């Protein structure tokens, strides 16, 4: 899917969490799930022009982790 979107010159981010199953994000207790939720929230905020909730760090804060 990511490759096809890139071929069509569409915006697409691909994130891979090594060693985790396809639907790992459904277990909200996993730290990786929390990270995935933050990644998704930033993507939508960036492309829909919405603000992140107050408890969501922006891209600059995430880059320093």
PDB file of N, CA and C in Angstrom:
ATOM      1  N   UNK A   1       0.830  -1.190   0.000  1.00  0.00           N
ATOM      2  CA  UNK A   1       0.000   0.000   0.000  1.00  0.00           C
ATOM      3  C   UNK A   1       0.875   1.254   0.000  1.00  0.00           C
ATOM      4  N   UNK A   2       1.871   1.295   0.884  1.00  0.00           N
ATOM      5  CA  UNK A   2       2.737   2.479   0.964  1.00  0.00           C
ATOM      6  C   UNK A   2       3.423   2.734  -0.378  1.00  0.00           C
ATOM      7  N   UNK A   3       3.939   1.681  -0.996  1.00  0.00           N
ATOM      8  CA  UNK A   3       4.630   1.833  -2.283  1.00  0.00           C
ATOM      9  C   UNK A   3       3.691   2.379  -3.353  1.00  0.00           C
ATOM     10  N   UNK A   4       2.484   1.884  -3.373  1.00  0.00           N
ATOM     11  CA  UNK A   4       1.507   2.346  -4.370  1.00  0.00           C
ATOM     12  C   UNK A   4       1.150   3.813  -4.146  1.00  0.00           C
ATOM     13  N   UNK A   5       0.952   4.197  -2.899  1.00  0.00           N
ATOM     14  CA  UNK A   5       0.661   5.599  -2.606  1.00  0.00           C
ATOM     15  C   UNK A   5       1.824   6.497  -3.002  1.00  0.00           C
ATOM     16  N   UNK A   6       3.044   6.048  -2.742  1.00  0.00           N
ATOM     17  CA  UNK A   6       4.225   6.821  -3.145  1.00  0.00           C
ATOM     18  C   UNK A   6       4.285   6.952  -4.667  1.00  0.00           C
ATOM     19  N   UNK A   7       3.983   5.852  -5.393  1.00  0.00           N
ATOM     20  CA  UNK A   7       3.950   5.903  -6.852  1.00  0.00           C
ATOM     21  C   UNK A   7       2.937   6.920  -7.358  1.00  0.00           C
ATOM     22  N   UNK A   8       1.835   7.070  -6.639  1.00  0.00           N
ATOM     23  CA  UNK A   8       0.786   8.019  -7.016  1.00  0.00           C
ATOM     24  C   UNK A   8       1.048   9.424  -6.483  1.00  0.00           C
ATOM     25  N   UNK A   9       2.227   9.612  -5.861  1.00  0.00           N
ATOM     26  CA  UNK A   9       2.630  10.896  -5.271  1.00  0.00           C
ATOM     27  C   UNK A   9       1.665  11.368  -4.202  1.00  0.00           C
ATOM     28  N   UNK A  10       1.177  10.423  -3.415  1.00  0.00           N
ATOM     29  CA  UNK A  10       0.296  10.715  -2.281  1.00  0.00           C
ATOM     30  C   UNK A  10       1.122  10.710  -1.005  1.00  0.00           C
ATOM     31  N   UNK A  11       0.642  11.411  -0.005  1.00  0.00           N
ATOM     32  CA  UNK A  11       1.321  11.451   1.289  1.00  0.00           C
ATOM     33  C   UNK A  11       1.088  10.139   2.013  1.00  0.00           C
ATOM     34  N   UNK A  12       2.171   9.521   2.437  1.00  0.00           N
ATOM     35  CA  UNK A  12       2.066   8.251   3.149  1.00  0.00           C
ATOM     36  C   UNK A  12       3.283   8.098   4.044  1.00  0.00           C
ATOM     37  N   UNK A  13       3.060   7.690   5.266  1.00  0.00           N
ATOM     38  CA  UNK A  13       4.145   7.376   6.188  1.00  0.00           C
ATOM     39  C   UNK A  13       4.079   5.884   6.467  1.00  0.00           C
ATOM     40  N   UNK A  14       5.235   5.254   6.518  1.00  0.00           N
ATOM     41  CA  UNK A  14       5.291   3.833   6.843  1.00  0.00           C
ATOM     42  C   UNK A  14       6.109   3.672   8.114  1.00  0.00           C
ATOM     43  N   UNK A  15       5.516   3.070   9.119  1.00  0.00           N
ATOM     44  CA  UNK A  15       6.183   2.802  10.397  1.00  0.00           C
ATOM     45  C   UNK A  15       6.107   1.308  10.654  1.00  0.00           C
ATOM     46  N   UNK A  16       7.239   0.735  11.036  1.00  0.00           N
ATOM     47  CA  UNK A  16       7.306  -0.702  11.297  1.00  0.00           C
ATOM     48  C   UNK A  16       7.756  -0.918  12.736  1.00  0.00           C
ATOM     49  N   UNK A  17       7.007  -1.700  13.460  1.00  0.00           N
ATOM     50  CA  UNK A  17       7.382  -2.086  14.818  1.00  0.00           C
ATOM     51  C   UNK A  17       7.824  -3.541  14.737  1.00  0.00           C
ATOM     52  N   UNK A  18       9.134  -3.751  14.787  1.00  0.00           N
ATOM     53  CA  UNK A  18       9.711  -5.091  14.629  1.00  0.00           C
ATOM     54  C   UNK A  18       9.191  -6.048  15.707  1.00  0.00           C
ATOM     55  N   UNK A  19       8.885  -7.259  15.292  1.00  0.00           N
ATOM     56  CA  UNK A  19       8.509  -8.313  16.216  1.00  0.00           C
ATOM     57  C   UNK A  19       7.078  -8.268  16.722  1.00  0.00           C
ATOM     58  N   UNK A  20       6.291  -7.337  16.235  1.00  0.00           N
ATOM     59  CA  UNK A  20       4.902  -7.233  16.688  1.00  0.00           C
ATOM     60  C   UNK A  20       3.955  -7.654  15.571  1.00  0.00           C
ATOM     61  N   UNK A  21       2.837  -8.224  15.947  1.00  0.00           N
ATOM     62  CA  UNK A  21       1.855  -8.674  14.978  1.00  0.00           C
ATOM     63  C   UNK A  21       1.128  -7.536  14.293  1.00  0.00           C
ATOM     64  N   UNK A  22       0.330  -7.891  13.298  1.00  0.00           N
ATOM     65  CA  UNK A  22      -0.387  -6.912  12.472  1.00  0.00           C
ATOM     66  C   UNK A  22      -1.299  -5.992  13.292  1.00  0.00           C
ATOM     67  N   UNK A  23      -1.978  -6.509  14.268  1.00  0.00           N
ATOM     68  CA  UNK A  23      -2.952  -5.709  15.024  1.00  0.00           C
ATOM     69  C   UNK A  23      -2.485  -5.442  16.453  1.00  0.00           C
ATOM     70  N   UNK A  24      -1.181  -5.291  16.653  1.00  0.00           N
ATOM     71  CA  UNK A  24      -0.655  -5.061  18.005  1.00  0.00           C
ATOM     72  C   UNK A  24      -1.270  -3.837  18.659  1.00  0.00           C
ATOM     73  N   UNK A  25      -1.625  -2.846  17.867  1.00  0.00           N
ATOM     74  CA  UNK A  25      -2.151  -1.597  18.406  1.00  0.00           C
ATOM     75  C   UNK A  25      -3.498  -1.769  19.103  1.00  0.00           C
ATOM     76  N   UNK A  26      -4.140  -2.913  18.905  1.00  0.00           N
ATOM     77  CA  UNK A  26      -5.426  -3.151  19.568  1.00  0.00           C
ATOM     78  C   UNK A  26      -5.260  -3.426  21.061  1.00  0.00           C
ATOM     79  N   UNK A  27      -4.051  -3.739  21.494  1.00  0.00           N
ATOM     80  CA  UNK A  27      -3.757  -3.918  22.917  1.00  0.00           C
ATOM     81  C   UNK A  27      -3.198  -2.603  23.448  1.00  0.00           C
ATOM     82  N   UNK A  28      -4.066  -1.756  23.939  1.00  0.00           N
ATOM     83  CA  UNK A  28      -3.693  -0.400  24.344  1.00  0.00           C
ATOM     84  C   UNK A  28      -2.691  -0.357  25.493  1.00  0.00           C
ATOM     85  N   UNK A  29      -2.475  -1.477  26.158  1.00  0.00           N
ATOM     86  CA  UNK A  29      -1.534  -1.497  27.280  1.00  0.00           C
ATOM     87  C   UNK A  29      -0.079  -1.565  26.829  1.00  0.00           C
ATOM     88  N   UNK A  30       0.155  -1.992  25.601  1.00  0.00           N
ATOM     89  CA  UNK A  30       1.523  -2.091  25.097  1.00  0.00           C
ATOM     90  C   UNK A  30       2.128  -0.697  24.896  1.00  0.00           C
ATOM     91  N   UNK A  31       3.368  -0.490  25.322  1.00  0.00           N
ATOM     92  CA  UNK A  31       4.020   0.803  25.067  1.00  0.00           C
ATOM     93  C   UNK A  31       4.089   1.118  23.574  1.00  0.00           C
ATOM     94  N   UNK A  32       4.281   0.092  22.767  1.00  0.00           N
ATOM     95  CA  UNK A  32       4.331   0.297  21.320  1.00  0.00           C
ATOM     96  C   UNK A  32       2.985   0.759  20.769  1.00  0.00           C
ATOM     97  N   UNK A  33       1.911   0.309  21.383  1.00  0.00           N
ATOM     98  CA  UNK A  33       0.589   0.774  20.973  1.00  0.00           C
ATOM     99  C   UNK A  33       0.431   2.254  21.272  1.00  0.00           C
ATOM    100  N   UNK A  34       0.880   2.673  22.432  1.00  0.00           N
ATOM    101  CA  UNK A  34       0.813   4.089  22.785  1.00  0.00           C
ATOM    102  C   UNK A  34       1.615   4.923  21.795  1.00  0.00           C
ATOM    103  N   UNK A  35       2.786   4.410  21.416  1.00  0.00           N
ATOM    104  CA  UNK A  35       3.612   5.111  20.428  1.00  0.00           C
ATOM    105  C   UNK A  35       2.880   5.179  19.082  1.00  0.00           C
ATOM    106  N   UNK A  36       2.277   4.072  18.675  1.00  0.00           N
ATOM    107  CA  UNK A  36       1.546   4.045  17.407  1.00  0.00           C
ATOM    108  C   UNK A  36       0.383   5.043  17.424  1.00  0.00           C
ATOM    109  N   UNK A  37      -0.326   5.142  18.542  1.00  0.00           N
ATOM    110  CA  UNK A  37      -1.428   6.108  18.648  1.00  0.00           C
ATOM    111  C   UNK A  37      -0.913   7.540  18.488  1.00  0.00           C
ATOM    112  N   UNK A  38       0.257   7.819  19.097  1.00  0.00           N
ATOM    113  CA  UNK A  38       0.835   9.165  18.953  1.00  0.00           C
ATOM    114  C   UNK A  38       1.219   9.440  17.502  1.00  0.00           C
ATOM    115  N   UNK A  39       1.801   8.447  16.839  1.00  0.00           N
ATOM    116  CA  UNK A  39       2.176   8.599  15.430  1.00  0.00           C
ATOM    117  C   UNK A  39       0.935   8.888  14.588  1.00  0.00           C
ATOM    118  N   UNK A  40      -0.132   8.123  14.819  1.00  0.00           N
ATOM    119  CA  UNK A  40      -1.374   8.336  14.066  1.00  0.00           C
ATOM    120  C   UNK A  40      -1.965   9.722  14.335  1.00  0.00           C
ATOM    121  N   UNK A  41      -1.966  10.128  15.591  1.00  0.00           N
ATOM    122  CA  UNK A  41      -2.531  11.435  15.943  1.00  0.00           C
ATOM    123  C   UNK A  41      -1.748  12.561  15.272  1.00  0.00           C
ATOM    124  N   UNK A  42      -0.416  12.453  15.256  1.00  0.00           N
ATOM    125  CA  UNK A  42       0.395  13.485  14.596  1.00  0.00           C
ATOM    126  C   UNK A  42       0.138  13.519  13.095  1.00  0.00           C
ATOM    127  N   UNK A  43      -0.003  12.328  12.472  1.00  0.00           N
ATOM    128  CA  UNK A  43      -0.273  12.274  11.038  1.00  0.00           C
ATOM    129  C   UNK A  43      -1.578  12.998  10.716  1.00  0.00           C
ATOM    130  N   UNK A  44      -2.636  12.651  11.438  1.00  0.00           N
ATOM    131  CA  UNK A  44      -3.932  13.281  11.174  1.00  0.00           C
ATOM    132  C   UNK A  44      -3.910  14.776  11.493  1.00  0.00           C
ATOM    133  N   UNK A  45      -3.267  15.147  12.573  1.00  0.00           N
ATOM    134  CA  UNK A  45      -3.189  16.573  12.912  1.00  0.00           C
ATOM    135  C   UNK A  45      -2.465  17.347  11.816  1.00  0.00           C
ATOM    136  N   UNK A  46      -1.367  16.777  11.331  1.00  0.00           N
ATOM    137  CA  UNK A  46      -0.575  17.446  10.297  1.00  0.00           C
ATOM    138  C   UNK A  46      -1.371  17.571   8.988  1.00  0.00           C
ATOM    139  N   UNK A  47      -2.086  16.539   8.600  1.00  0.00           N
ATOM    140  CA  UNK A  47      -2.736  16.550   7.294  1.00  0.00           C
ATOM    141  C   UNK A  47      -4.168  17.054   7.312  1.00  0.00           C
ATOM    142  N   UNK A  48      -4.775  17.130   8.474  1.00  0.00           N
ATOM    143  CA  UNK A  48      -6.119  17.681   8.576  1.00  0.00           C
ATOM    144  C   UNK A  48      -6.117  19.093   9.154  1.00  0.00           C
ATOM    145  N   UNK A  49      -4.924  19.562   9.542  1.00  0.00           N
ATOM    146  CA  UNK A  49      -4.816  20.913  10.071  1.00  0.00           C
ATOM    147  C   UNK A  49      -5.453  21.086  11.430  1.00  0.00           C
ATOM    148  N   UNK A  50      -5.478  20.022  12.212  1.00  0.00           N
ATOM    149  CA  UNK A  50      -6.056  20.092  13.550  1.00  0.00           C
ATOM    150  C   UNK A  50      -4.937  20.116  14.592  1.00  0.00           C
ATOM    151  N   UNK A  51      -5.291  20.539  15.776  1.00  0.00           N
ATOM    152  CA  UNK A  51      -4.317  20.588  16.867  1.00  0.00           C
ATOM    153  C   UNK A  51      -4.295  19.253  17.596  1.00  0.00           C
ATOM    154  N   UNK A  52      -3.133  18.921  18.125  1.00  0.00           N
ATOM    155  CA  UNK A  52      -3.020  17.730  18.970  1.00  0.00           C
ATOM    156  C   UNK A  52      -3.609  18.021  20.334  1.00  0.00           C
ATOM    157  N   UNK A  53      -4.136  17.021  20.998  1.00  0.00           N
ATOM    158  CA  UNK A  53      -4.582  17.226  22.382  1.00  0.00           C
ATOM    159  C   UNK A  53      -3.411  17.704  23.242  1.00  0.00           C
ATOM    160  N   UNK A  54      -3.703  18.355  24.331  1.00  0.00           N
ATOM    161  CA  UNK A  54      -2.666  18.934  25.183  1.00  0.00           C
ATOM    162  C   UNK A  54      -1.673  17.899  25.676  1.00  0.00           C
ATOM    163  N   UNK A  55      -2.088  16.651  25.861  1.00  0.00           N
ATOM    164  CA  UNK A  55      -1.177  15.631  26.364  1.00  0.00           C
ATOM    165  C   UNK A  55      -0.365  14.966  25.258  1.00  0.00           C
ATOM    166  N   UNK A  56      -0.507  15.418  24.015  1.00  0.00           N
ATOM    167  CA  UNK A  56       0.250  14.864  22.894  1.00  0.00           C
ATOM    168  C   UNK A  56       1.432  15.771  22.583  1.00  0.00           C
ATOM    169  N   UNK A  57       2.648  15.240  22.662  1.00  0.00           N
ATOM    170  CA  UNK A  57       3.797  16.055  22.281  1.00  0.00           C
ATOM    171  C   UNK A  57       3.796  16.296  20.773  1.00  0.00           C
ATOM    172  N   UNK A  58       4.257  17.451  20.369  1.00  0.00           N
ATOM    173  CA  UNK A  58       4.354  17.753  18.962  1.00  0.00           C
ATOM    174  C   UNK A  58       5.557  17.056  18.340  1.00  0.00           C
ATOM    175  N   UNK A  59       5.750  17.229  17.031  1.00  0.00           N
ATOM    176  CA  UNK A  59       6.835  16.541  16.332  1.00  0.00           C
ATOM    177  C   UNK A  59       8.219  16.866  16.886  1.00  0.00           C
ATOM    178  N   UNK A  60       8.454  18.094  17.328  1.00  0.00           N
ATOM    179  CA  UNK A  60       9.766  18.442  17.870  1.00  0.00           C
ATOM    180  C   UNK A  60      10.068  17.662  19.146  1.00  0.00           C
ATOM    181  N   UNK A  61       9.076  17.510  20.003  1.00  0.00           N
ATOM    182  CA  UNK A  61       9.282  16.760  21.232  1.00  0.00           C
ATOM    183  C   UNK A  61       9.497  15.280  20.925  1.00  0.00           C
ATOM    184  N   UNK A  62       8.797  14.764  19.949  1.00  0.00           N
ATOM    185  CA  UNK A  62       8.930  13.346  19.601  1.00  0.00           C
ATOM    186  C   UNK A  62      10.301  13.064  18.996  1.00  0.00           C
ATOM    187  N   UNK A  63      10.859  14.026  18.294  1.00  0.00           N
ATOM    188  CA  UNK A  63      12.161  13.830  17.659  1.00  0.00           C
ATOM    189  C   UNK A  63      13.294  13.756  18.668  1.00  0.00           C
ATOM    190  N   UNK A  64      13.075  14.291  19.854  1.00  0.00           N
ATOM    191  CA  UNK A  64      14.136  14.313  20.859  1.00  0.00           C
ATOM    192  C   UNK A  64      14.126  13.059  21.711  1.00  0.00           C
ATOM    193  N   UNK A  65      13.190  12.163  21.473  1.00  0.00           N
ATOM    194  CA  UNK A  65      13.138  10.923  22.271  1.00  0.00           C
ATOM    195  C   UNK A  65      14.136   9.917  21.815  1.00  0.00           C
TER     196      UNK A  65
END
